[in-house]
């Protein structure tokens, strides 16, 4: 199939899919894959990746029985690529609420759309490589296309915006080609890359509870929304837990420690004994 190369056959009709576009995200994918295995899922685990990954990177991901799918970047125009290059996008639509790591490559995010080419699966759940799954979420395979949680991390007014870190999809070549036709149009500028595009492409997107995509900034900004009994996916948006001493590392120390448990496999987090976030003063 044009633009993708698979390492093995599919093991299931359902798959969890993530995207790794450079070696800096391999650590995130490792923690994510282990977290999924620890939930007891029988769905296939798929890592879409670009040619930027080394043989050692790929070997590490294969230790988690992941199906590796090498993907090309999308065949977008020079004008599109220039508009969505890191410096251009960060200049036109700066991230003012949190810090993106130096290895953030926004143009690569659009390769996420290639999951619609994985037509040997009936249903997929996409998860960004900076997430961990702390409770089984296999029920999402029964959900329709397209379901995603709102982009809530600062105030309740965020509920009208979608976050594309977790969503449900039904692979289809027809859908993929229709997306390409709508993505790269004259003067196109998707300020938050795939997220903005997907909200436009699926204007009637179905809302998931925020517990399926609990953004780490909720811990700091909306602590009353954080309920360990209900959280299913933690999403480390903005600063990454594998970055050394990032500006929010002290405030997010509890969540960073949880990520490291999944990364190194030392022990499963005991969510029943987790402290709640401190109230905002």
C-alpha atoms as a PDB file:
ATOM      1  CA  UNK A   1       0.000   0.000   0.000  1.00  0.00           C
ATOM      2  CA  UNK A   2       1.373   3.413  -0.931  1.00  0.00           C
ATOM      3  CA  UNK A   3       3.103   5.204   1.910  1.00  0.00           C
ATOM      4  CA  UNK A   4       3.176   2.379   4.473  1.00  0.00           C
ATOM      5  CA  UNK A   5       5.266  -0.757   5.059  1.00  0.00           C
ATOM      6  CA  UNK A   6       4.170  -3.307   7.667  1.00  0.00           C
ATOM      7  CA  UNK A   7       6.464  -5.620   9.633  1.00  0.00           C
ATOM      8  CA  UNK A   8       3.965  -8.463  10.108  1.00  0.00           C
ATOM      9  CA  UNK A   9       0.355  -9.457   9.675  1.00  0.00           C
ATOM     10  CA  UNK A  10      -2.365  -8.113  11.961  1.00  0.00           C
ATOM     11  CA  UNK A  11      -3.113 -10.210  15.065  1.00  0.00           C
ATOM     12  CA  UNK A  12      -6.616  -8.909  15.713  1.00  0.00           C
ATOM     13  CA  UNK A  13      -9.520  -6.991  14.168  1.00  0.00           C
ATOM     14  CA  UNK A  14      -8.859  -4.230  16.690  1.00  0.00           C
ATOM     15  CA  UNK A  15      -5.694  -2.225  17.288  1.00  0.00           C
ATOM     16  CA  UNK A  16      -4.226   0.469  19.475  1.00  0.00           C
ATOM     17  CA  UNK A  17      -2.133   2.712  17.248  1.00  0.00           C
ATOM     18  CA  UNK A  18       0.487   5.304  18.089  1.00  0.00           C
ATOM     19  CA  UNK A  19       2.910   7.398  16.023  1.00  0.00           C
ATOM     20  CA  UNK A  20       6.637   7.868  16.629  1.00  0.00           C
ATOM     21  CA  UNK A  21       8.278  10.398  14.325  1.00  0.00           C
ATOM     22  CA  UNK A  22      11.748  10.622  15.865  1.00  0.00           C
ATOM     23  CA  UNK A  23      13.923   8.834  18.411  1.00  0.00           C
ATOM     24  CA  UNK A  24      12.951  11.230  21.196  1.00  0.00           C
ATOM     25  CA  UNK A  25       9.458   9.720  21.304  1.00  0.00           C
ATOM     26  CA  UNK A  26      10.619   6.099  21.582  1.00  0.00           C
ATOM     27  CA  UNK A  27      10.706   6.448  25.367  1.00  0.00           C
ATOM     28  CA  UNK A  28       7.089   7.569  25.344  1.00  0.00           C
ATOM     29  CA  UNK A  29       6.019   4.696  23.101  1.00  0.00           C
ATOM     30  CA  UNK A  30       7.814   2.219  25.367  1.00  0.00           C
ATOM     31  CA  UNK A  31       5.848   3.401  28.407  1.00  0.00           C
ATOM     32  CA  UNK A  32       2.597   3.437  26.425  1.00  0.00           C
ATOM     33  CA  UNK A  33       3.062  -0.095  25.071  1.00  0.00           C
ATOM     34  CA  UNK A  34       3.838  -1.507  28.500  1.00  0.00           C
ATOM     35  CA  UNK A  35       0.839   0.280  29.984  1.00  0.00           C
ATOM     36  CA  UNK A  36      -1.431  -1.285  27.353  1.00  0.00           C
ATOM     37  CA  UNK A  37      -0.008  -4.765  27.958  1.00  0.00           C
ATOM     38  CA  UNK A  38      -0.575  -4.351  31.685  1.00  0.00           C
ATOM     39  CA  UNK A  39      -4.296  -3.680  31.069  1.00  0.00           C
ATOM     40  CA  UNK A  40      -4.645  -7.211  29.681  1.00  0.00           C
ATOM     41  CA  UNK A  41      -5.840  -6.118  26.247  1.00  0.00           C
ATOM     42  CA  UNK A  42      -5.834  -8.664  23.432  1.00  0.00           C
ATOM     43  CA  UNK A  43      -5.952  -5.977  20.738  1.00  0.00           C
ATOM     44  CA  UNK A  44      -2.999  -5.561  18.407  1.00  0.00           C
ATOM     45  CA  UNK A  45      -0.425  -2.920  19.330  1.00  0.00           C
ATOM     46  CA  UNK A  46       0.732  -0.871  16.346  1.00  0.00           C
ATOM     47  CA  UNK A  47       3.534   1.671  16.177  1.00  0.00           C
ATOM     48  CA  UNK A  48       3.502   3.805  13.059  1.00  0.00           C
ATOM     49  CA  UNK A  49       6.945   5.313  12.627  1.00  0.00           C
ATOM     50  CA  UNK A  50       8.939   7.334  10.153  1.00  0.00           C
ATOM     51  CA  UNK A  51      12.284   6.431   8.636  1.00  0.00           C
ATOM     52  CA  UNK A  52      13.935   8.674  11.254  1.00  0.00           C
ATOM     53  CA  UNK A  53      14.009   5.808  13.765  1.00  0.00           C
ATOM     54  CA  UNK A  54      17.154   3.717  14.085  1.00  0.00           C
ATOM     55  CA  UNK A  55      17.369  -0.073  14.029  1.00  0.00           C
ATOM     56  CA  UNK A  56      17.939  -0.005  17.804  1.00  0.00           C
ATOM     57  CA  UNK A  57      14.805   2.100  18.283  1.00  0.00           C
ATOM     58  CA  UNK A  58      12.737  -0.391  16.310  1.00  0.00           C
ATOM     59  CA  UNK A  59      14.215  -3.380  18.119  1.00  0.00           C
ATOM     60  CA  UNK A  60      13.247  -1.828  21.459  1.00  0.00           C
ATOM     61  CA  UNK A  61       9.638  -1.363  20.330  1.00  0.00           C
ATOM     62  CA  UNK A  62       9.443  -4.910  18.985  1.00  0.00           C
ATOM     63  CA  UNK A  63      10.180  -6.284  22.465  1.00  0.00           C
ATOM     64  CA  UNK A  64       6.595  -5.308  23.320  1.00  0.00           C
ATOM     65  CA  UNK A  65       5.208  -7.436  20.452  1.00  0.00           C
ATOM     66  CA  UNK A  66       4.311  -4.268  18.584  1.00  0.00           C
ATOM     67  CA  UNK A  67       3.479  -4.345  14.896  1.00  0.00           C
ATOM     68  CA  UNK A  68       5.782  -1.800  13.281  1.00  0.00           C
ATOM     69  CA  UNK A  69       4.397   0.178  10.365  1.00  0.00           C
ATOM     70  CA  UNK A  70       6.823   2.492   8.607  1.00  0.00           C
ATOM     71  CA  UNK A  71       4.984   5.470   7.174  1.00  0.00           C
ATOM     72  CA  UNK A  72       6.009   8.174   4.761  1.00  0.00           C
ATOM     73  CA  UNK A  73       5.195  11.769   5.542  1.00  0.00           C
ATOM     74  CA  UNK A  74       2.144  12.916   3.638  1.00  0.00           C
ATOM     75  CA  UNK A  75       2.626  14.129   0.047  1.00  0.00           C
ATOM     76  CA  UNK A  76       1.836  17.738   0.880  1.00  0.00           C
ATOM     77  CA  UNK A  77       2.877  20.781  -1.135  1.00  0.00           C
ATOM     78  CA  UNK A  78       5.948  22.910  -0.488  1.00  0.00           C
ATOM     79  CA  UNK A  79       3.719  25.791   0.619  1.00  0.00           C
ATOM     80  CA  UNK A  80       1.923  23.546   3.104  1.00  0.00           C
ATOM     81  CA  UNK A  81       5.201  22.178   4.445  1.00  0.00           C
ATOM     82  CA  UNK A  82       6.657  25.650   4.893  1.00  0.00           C
ATOM     83  CA  UNK A  83       3.571  26.905   6.734  1.00  0.00           C
ATOM     84  CA  UNK A  84       3.661  23.961   9.156  1.00  0.00           C
ATOM     85  CA  UNK A  85       7.409  23.785   9.755  1.00  0.00           C
ATOM     86  CA  UNK A  86       8.301  24.178  13.422  1.00  0.00           C
ATOM     87  CA  UNK A  87       9.584  27.770  13.372  1.00  0.00           C
ATOM     88  CA  UNK A  88       6.829  29.008  11.081  1.00  0.00           C
ATOM     89  CA  UNK A  89       4.013  27.390  13.026  1.00  0.00           C
ATOM     90  CA  UNK A  90       5.362  28.335  16.456  1.00  0.00           C
ATOM     91  CA  UNK A  91       5.759  31.895  15.206  1.00  0.00           C
ATOM     92  CA  UNK A  92       2.270  32.178  13.731  1.00  0.00           C
ATOM     93  CA  UNK A  93       0.488  30.264  16.507  1.00  0.00           C
ATOM     94  CA  UNK A  94       2.748  30.244  19.583  1.00  0.00           C
ATOM     95  CA  UNK A  95       2.146  27.854  22.468  1.00  0.00           C
ATOM     96  CA  UNK A  96       1.484  30.206  25.370  1.00  0.00           C
ATOM     97  CA  UNK A  97       0.021  27.798  27.943  1.00  0.00           C
ATOM     98  CA  UNK A  98       2.920  25.359  28.146  1.00  0.00           C
ATOM     99  CA  UNK A  99       6.257  24.490  26.610  1.00  0.00           C
ATOM    100  CA  UNK A 100       6.744  22.185  23.631  1.00  0.00           C
ATOM    101  CA  UNK A 101      10.025  20.228  23.681  1.00  0.00           C
ATOM    102  CA  UNK A 102      12.782  21.043  21.221  1.00  0.00           C
ATOM    103  CA  UNK A 103      12.120  17.746  19.445  1.00  0.00           C
ATOM    104  CA  UNK A 104       8.519  18.723  18.636  1.00  0.00           C
ATOM    105  CA  UNK A 105       8.137  18.518  14.832  1.00  0.00           C
ATOM    106  CA  UNK A 106       4.603  19.711  14.024  1.00  0.00           C
ATOM    107  CA  UNK A 107       4.627  18.894  10.309  1.00  0.00           C
ATOM    108  CA  UNK A 108       5.235  15.219  11.123  1.00  0.00           C
ATOM    109  CA  UNK A 109       1.984  15.088  13.125  1.00  0.00           C
ATOM    110  CA  UNK A 110      -0.035  14.869   9.923  1.00  0.00           C
ATOM    111  CA  UNK A 111       1.377  11.373   9.313  1.00  0.00           C
ATOM    112  CA  UNK A 112      -1.145  10.328  11.966  1.00  0.00           C
ATOM    113  CA  UNK A 113      -3.749  10.349   9.204  1.00  0.00           C
ATOM    114  CA  UNK A 114      -2.128   7.257   7.706  1.00  0.00           C
ATOM    115  CA  UNK A 115      -3.857   5.147  10.350  1.00  0.00           C
ATOM    116  CA  UNK A 116      -6.881   5.295   8.036  1.00  0.00           C
ATOM    117  CA  UNK A 117      -4.795   3.159   5.653  1.00  0.00           C
ATOM    118  CA  UNK A 118      -4.622   0.308   8.180  1.00  0.00           C
ATOM    119  CA  UNK A 119      -7.613  -1.399   6.587  1.00  0.00           C
ATOM    120  CA  UNK A 120      -6.784  -4.839   7.962  1.00  0.00           C
ATOM    121  CA  UNK A 121      -8.369  -3.580  11.205  1.00  0.00           C
ATOM    122  CA  UNK A 122     -12.088  -2.945  11.693  1.00  0.00           C
ATOM    123  CA  UNK A 123     -11.599  -0.467  14.534  1.00  0.00           C
ATOM    124  CA  UNK A 124      -8.627   1.373  15.943  1.00  0.00           C
ATOM    125  CA  UNK A 125      -8.002   3.549  18.959  1.00  0.00           C
ATOM    126  CA  UNK A 126      -5.256   6.100  18.437  1.00  0.00           C
ATOM    127  CA  UNK A 127      -3.099   7.148  21.385  1.00  0.00           C
ATOM    128  CA  UNK A 128      -0.361   9.761  21.275  1.00  0.00           C
ATOM    129  CA  UNK A 129       3.064   8.451  22.304  1.00  0.00           C
ATOM    130  CA  UNK A 130       3.022  10.745  25.346  1.00  0.00           C
ATOM    131  CA  UNK A 131       0.100   8.906  26.952  1.00  0.00           C
ATOM    132  CA  UNK A 132      -0.165   5.959  29.335  1.00  0.00           C
ATOM    133  CA  UNK A 133      -3.252   3.797  29.794  1.00  0.00           C
ATOM    134  CA  UNK A 134      -3.890   3.125  33.480  1.00  0.00           C
ATOM    135  CA  UNK A 135      -7.134   1.147  33.083  1.00  0.00           C
ATOM    136  CA  UNK A 136      -8.434  -1.102  30.331  1.00  0.00           C
ATOM    137  CA  UNK A 137     -10.183   0.881  27.587  1.00  0.00           C
ATOM    138  CA  UNK A 138     -11.081  -1.941  25.181  1.00  0.00           C
ATOM    139  CA  UNK A 139     -14.699  -0.762  25.287  1.00  0.00           C
ATOM    140  CA  UNK A 140     -13.650   2.059  22.952  1.00  0.00           C
ATOM    141  CA  UNK A 141     -13.511  -0.449  20.089  1.00  0.00           C
ATOM    142  CA  UNK A 142     -17.302  -0.548  20.271  1.00  0.00           C
ATOM    143  CA  UNK A 143     -17.535   3.234  19.809  1.00  0.00           C
ATOM    144  CA  UNK A 144     -18.228   4.813  16.423  1.00  0.00           C
ATOM    145  CA  UNK A 145     -15.925   6.976  14.363  1.00  0.00           C
ATOM    146  CA  UNK A 146     -15.120   9.685  15.410  1.00  0.00           C
ATOM    147  CA  UNK A 147     -14.910   9.944  19.223  1.00  0.00           C
ATOM    148  CA  UNK A 148     -12.446  12.134  21.115  1.00  0.00           C
ATOM    149  CA  UNK A 149     -12.257  13.894  24.453  1.00  0.00           C
ATOM    150  CA  UNK A 150     -12.391  17.682  24.811  1.00  0.00           C
ATOM    151  CA  UNK A 151      -9.154  19.620  25.182  1.00  0.00           C
ATOM    152  CA  UNK A 152      -9.762  20.476  28.828  1.00  0.00           C
ATOM    153  CA  UNK A 153      -6.812  21.583  30.946  1.00  0.00           C
ATOM    154  CA  UNK A 154      -7.304  25.226  31.922  1.00  0.00           C
ATOM    155  CA  UNK A 155     -11.006  25.952  32.431  1.00  0.00           C
ATOM    156  CA  UNK A 156     -14.425  24.529  31.675  1.00  0.00           C
ATOM    157  CA  UNK A 157     -14.602  26.765  28.610  1.00  0.00           C
ATOM    158  CA  UNK A 158     -12.195  24.290  26.958  1.00  0.00           C
ATOM    159  CA  UNK A 159     -14.983  21.734  26.468  1.00  0.00           C
ATOM    160  CA  UNK A 160     -15.818  22.964  22.952  1.00  0.00           C
ATOM    161  CA  UNK A 161     -12.353  22.055  21.644  1.00  0.00           C
ATOM    162  CA  UNK A 162     -11.201  18.562  20.757  1.00  0.00           C
ATOM    163  CA  UNK A 163      -7.920  16.919  21.722  1.00  0.00           C
ATOM    164  CA  UNK A 164      -6.575  14.407  19.208  1.00  0.00           C
ATOM    165  CA  UNK A 165      -4.342  12.542  21.656  1.00  0.00           C
ATOM    166  CA  UNK A 166      -6.948   9.774  21.995  1.00  0.00           C
ATOM    167  CA  UNK A 167      -9.643   8.988  19.441  1.00  0.00           C
ATOM    168  CA  UNK A 168     -11.587   6.184  17.757  1.00  0.00           C
ATOM    169  CA  UNK A 169     -11.458   5.552  14.016  1.00  0.00           C
ATOM    170  CA  UNK A 170     -12.528   3.118  11.299  1.00  0.00           C
ATOM    171  CA  UNK A 171      -9.741   2.641   8.741  1.00  0.00           C
ATOM    172  CA  UNK A 172     -10.793   3.325   5.160  1.00  0.00           C
ATOM    173  CA  UNK A 173      -8.809   4.160   2.055  1.00  0.00           C
ATOM    174  CA  UNK A 174     -11.732   6.268   0.860  1.00  0.00           C
ATOM    175  CA  UNK A 175     -11.631   8.343   4.038  1.00  0.00           C
ATOM    176  CA  UNK A 176      -7.847   8.704   3.808  1.00  0.00           C
ATOM    177  CA  UNK A 177      -7.942  10.037   0.250  1.00  0.00           C
ATOM    178  CA  UNK A 178     -10.795  12.401   1.092  1.00  0.00           C
ATOM    179  CA  UNK A 179      -8.744  13.729   4.000  1.00  0.00           C
ATOM    180  CA  UNK A 180      -5.759  14.378   1.753  1.00  0.00           C
ATOM    181  CA  UNK A 181      -7.960  16.332  -0.639  1.00  0.00           C
ATOM    182  CA  UNK A 182      -9.249  18.553   2.189  1.00  0.00           C
ATOM    183  CA  UNK A 183      -5.959  18.914   4.048  1.00  0.00           C
ATOM    184  CA  UNK A 184      -3.669  20.614   1.545  1.00  0.00           C
ATOM    185  CA  UNK A 185      -5.756  23.363  -0.017  1.00  0.00           C
ATOM    186  CA  UNK A 186      -4.541  26.862  -0.988  1.00  0.00           C
ATOM    187  CA  UNK A 187      -3.512  28.924   2.062  1.00  0.00           C
ATOM    188  CA  UNK A 188      -4.224  26.016   4.422  1.00  0.00           C
ATOM    189  CA  UNK A 189      -2.988  26.593   7.969  1.00  0.00           C
ATOM    190  CA  UNK A 190      -3.919  24.126  10.700  1.00  0.00           C
ATOM    191  CA  UNK A 191      -2.672  25.926  13.808  1.00  0.00           C
ATOM    192  CA  UNK A 192      -2.595  22.785  15.941  1.00  0.00           C
ATOM    193  CA  UNK A 193      -1.807  20.465  13.009  1.00  0.00           C
ATOM    194  CA  UNK A 194      -3.743  17.191  12.978  1.00  0.00           C
ATOM    195  CA  UNK A 195      -5.890  18.234  15.930  1.00  0.00           C
ATOM    196  CA  UNK A 196      -7.295  21.304  14.206  1.00  0.00           C
ATOM    197  CA  UNK A 197      -7.724  19.410  10.951  1.00  0.00           C
ATOM    198  CA  UNK A 198      -9.560  16.487  12.538  1.00  0.00           C
ATOM    199  CA  UNK A 199     -11.951  18.797  14.368  1.00  0.00           C
ATOM    200  CA  UNK A 200     -12.701  20.454  11.026  1.00  0.00           C
ATOM    201  CA  UNK A 201     -13.023  17.149   9.161  1.00  0.00           C
ATOM    202  CA  UNK A 202     -15.294  15.669  11.850  1.00  0.00           C
ATOM    203  CA  UNK A 203     -17.321  18.731  12.919  1.00  0.00           C
ATOM    204  CA  UNK A 204     -19.879  16.509  14.662  1.00  0.00           C
ATOM    205  CA  UNK A 205     -17.244  14.576  16.623  1.00  0.00           C
ATOM    206  CA  UNK A 206     -18.575  12.522  19.509  1.00  0.00           C
ATOM    207  CA  UNK A 207     -17.290  13.562  22.903  1.00  0.00           C
ATOM    208  CA  UNK A 208     -15.545  11.086  25.168  1.00  0.00           C
ATOM    209  CA  UNK A 209     -15.374  11.709  28.920  1.00  0.00           C
ATOM    210  CA  UNK A 210     -12.182  13.520  29.843  1.00  0.00           C
ATOM    211  CA  UNK A 211     -11.194  10.426  31.828  1.00  0.00           C
ATOM    212  CA  UNK A 212     -10.236   8.788  28.518  1.00  0.00           C
ATOM    213  CA  UNK A 213      -7.730  11.573  27.840  1.00  0.00           C
ATOM    214  CA  UNK A 214      -6.882  13.291  31.096  1.00  0.00           C
ATOM    215  CA  UNK A 215      -4.369  16.007  30.309  1.00  0.00           C
ATOM    216  CA  UNK A 216      -1.575  16.441  32.835  1.00  0.00           C
ATOM    217  CA  UNK A 217      -2.303  20.160  33.252  1.00  0.00           C
ATOM    218  CA  UNK A 218      -5.652  19.224  34.811  1.00  0.00           C
ATOM    219  CA  UNK A 219      -3.573  18.115  37.810  1.00  0.00           C
ATOM    220  CA  UNK A 220      -2.363  21.706  38.269  1.00  0.00           C
ATOM    221  CA  UNK A 221      -5.202  23.834  36.937  1.00  0.00           C
ATOM    222  CA  UNK A 222      -8.412  21.883  37.579  1.00  0.00           C
ATOM    223  CA  UNK A 223      -7.589  19.536  40.480  1.00  0.00           C
ATOM    224  CA  UNK A 224     -11.266  18.989  41.341  1.00  0.00           C
ATOM    225  CA  UNK A 225     -11.675  17.223  37.982  1.00  0.00           C
ATOM    226  CA  UNK A 226      -8.944  14.686  38.817  1.00  0.00           C
ATOM    227  CA  UNK A 227     -10.515  11.495  40.190  1.00  0.00           C
ATOM    228  CA  UNK A 228      -8.191   8.489  40.418  1.00  0.00           C
ATOM    229  CA  UNK A 229     -11.215   6.160  40.500  1.00  0.00           C
ATOM    230  CA  UNK A 230     -12.135   7.251  36.969  1.00  0.00           C
ATOM    231  CA  UNK A 231      -8.938   8.254  35.166  1.00  0.00           C
ATOM    232  CA  UNK A 232      -8.182   5.807  32.347  1.00  0.00           C
ATOM    233  CA  UNK A 233      -5.560   7.590  30.226  1.00  0.00           C
ATOM    234  CA  UNK A 234      -3.015  10.183  31.335  1.00  0.00           C
ATOM    235  CA  UNK A 235      -1.801  12.453  28.544  1.00  0.00           C
ATOM    236  CA  UNK A 236       1.472  14.311  29.108  1.00  0.00           C
ATOM    237  CA  UNK A 237       0.754  17.220  26.791  1.00  0.00           C
ATOM    238  CA  UNK A 238       3.336  20.004  26.522  1.00  0.00           C
ATOM    239  CA  UNK A 239       6.382  19.057  28.646  1.00  0.00           C
ATOM    240  CA  UNK A 240       7.319  15.368  28.507  1.00  0.00           C
ATOM    241  CA  UNK A 241       8.004  13.203  31.567  1.00  0.00           C
ATOM    242  CA  UNK A 242      11.271  11.927  30.079  1.00  0.00           C
ATOM    243  CA  UNK A 243      12.669  15.471  29.770  1.00  0.00           C
ATOM    244  CA  UNK A 244      15.169  16.247  32.497  1.00  0.00           C
ATOM    245  CA  UNK A 245      14.035  18.918  34.959  1.00  0.00           C
ATOM    246  CA  UNK A 246      11.476  20.661  32.783  1.00  0.00           C
ATOM    247  CA  UNK A 247       9.817  23.811  34.193  1.00  0.00           C
ATOM    248  CA  UNK A 248       6.737  21.981  35.493  1.00  0.00           C
ATOM    249  CA  UNK A 249       8.571  18.928  36.862  1.00  0.00           C
ATOM    250  CA  UNK A 250       8.043  19.806  40.523  1.00  0.00           C
ATOM    251  CA  UNK A 251       4.322  20.483  40.176  1.00  0.00           C
ATOM    252  CA  UNK A 252       3.825  17.322  38.100  1.00  0.00           C
ATOM    253  CA  UNK A 253       6.160  15.088  40.136  1.00  0.00           C
ATOM    254  CA  UNK A 254       3.434  12.570  41.023  1.00  0.00           C
ATOM    255  CA  UNK A 255       2.430  12.054  37.381  1.00  0.00           C
ATOM    256  CA  UNK A 256       6.051  11.908  36.227  1.00  0.00           C
ATOM    257  CA  UNK A 257       6.762   9.178  38.782  1.00  0.00           C
ATOM    258  CA  UNK A 258       3.814   7.172  37.432  1.00  0.00           C
ATOM    259  CA  UNK A 259       5.132   7.467  33.877  1.00  0.00           C
ATOM    260  CA  UNK A 260       8.546   6.191  34.991  1.00  0.00           C
ATOM    261  CA  UNK A 261       6.934   3.118  36.531  1.00  0.00           C
ATOM    262  CA  UNK A 262       5.513   2.251  33.124  1.00  0.00           C
ATOM    263  CA  UNK A 263       8.733   3.156  31.346  1.00  0.00           C
ATOM    264  CA  UNK A 264      11.061   0.976  33.408  1.00  0.00           C
ATOM    265  CA  UNK A 265       8.496  -1.679  34.357  1.00  0.00           C
ATOM    266  CA  UNK A 266       9.559  -1.575  37.988  1.00  0.00           C
ATOM    267  CA  UNK A 267       6.052  -1.858  39.430  1.00  0.00           C
ATOM    268  CA  UNK A 268       2.460  -1.132  38.545  1.00  0.00           C
ATOM    269  CA  UNK A 269       1.133   2.128  39.957  1.00  0.00           C
ATOM    270  CA  UNK A 270      -1.313   1.559  42.810  1.00  0.00           C
ATOM    271  CA  UNK A 271      -4.009   4.034  41.823  1.00  0.00           C
ATOM    272  CA  UNK A 272      -6.044   3.301  44.955  1.00  0.00           C
ATOM    273  CA  UNK A 273      -3.271   4.784  47.079  1.00  0.00           C
ATOM    274  CA  UNK A 274      -2.473   7.788  44.897  1.00  0.00           C
ATOM    275  CA  UNK A 275      -2.664  11.216  46.494  1.00  0.00           C
ATOM    276  CA  UNK A 276      -5.038  13.735  45.017  1.00  0.00           C
ATOM    277  CA  UNK A 277      -3.689  16.951  43.501  1.00  0.00           C
ATOM    278  CA  UNK A 278      -3.483  19.963  45.757  1.00  0.00           C
ATOM    279  CA  UNK A 279      -6.305  22.453  45.438  1.00  0.00           C
ATOM    280  CA  UNK A 280      -5.557  25.627  43.503  1.00  0.00           C
ATOM    281  CA  UNK A 281      -5.217  28.512  45.959  1.00  0.00           C
END
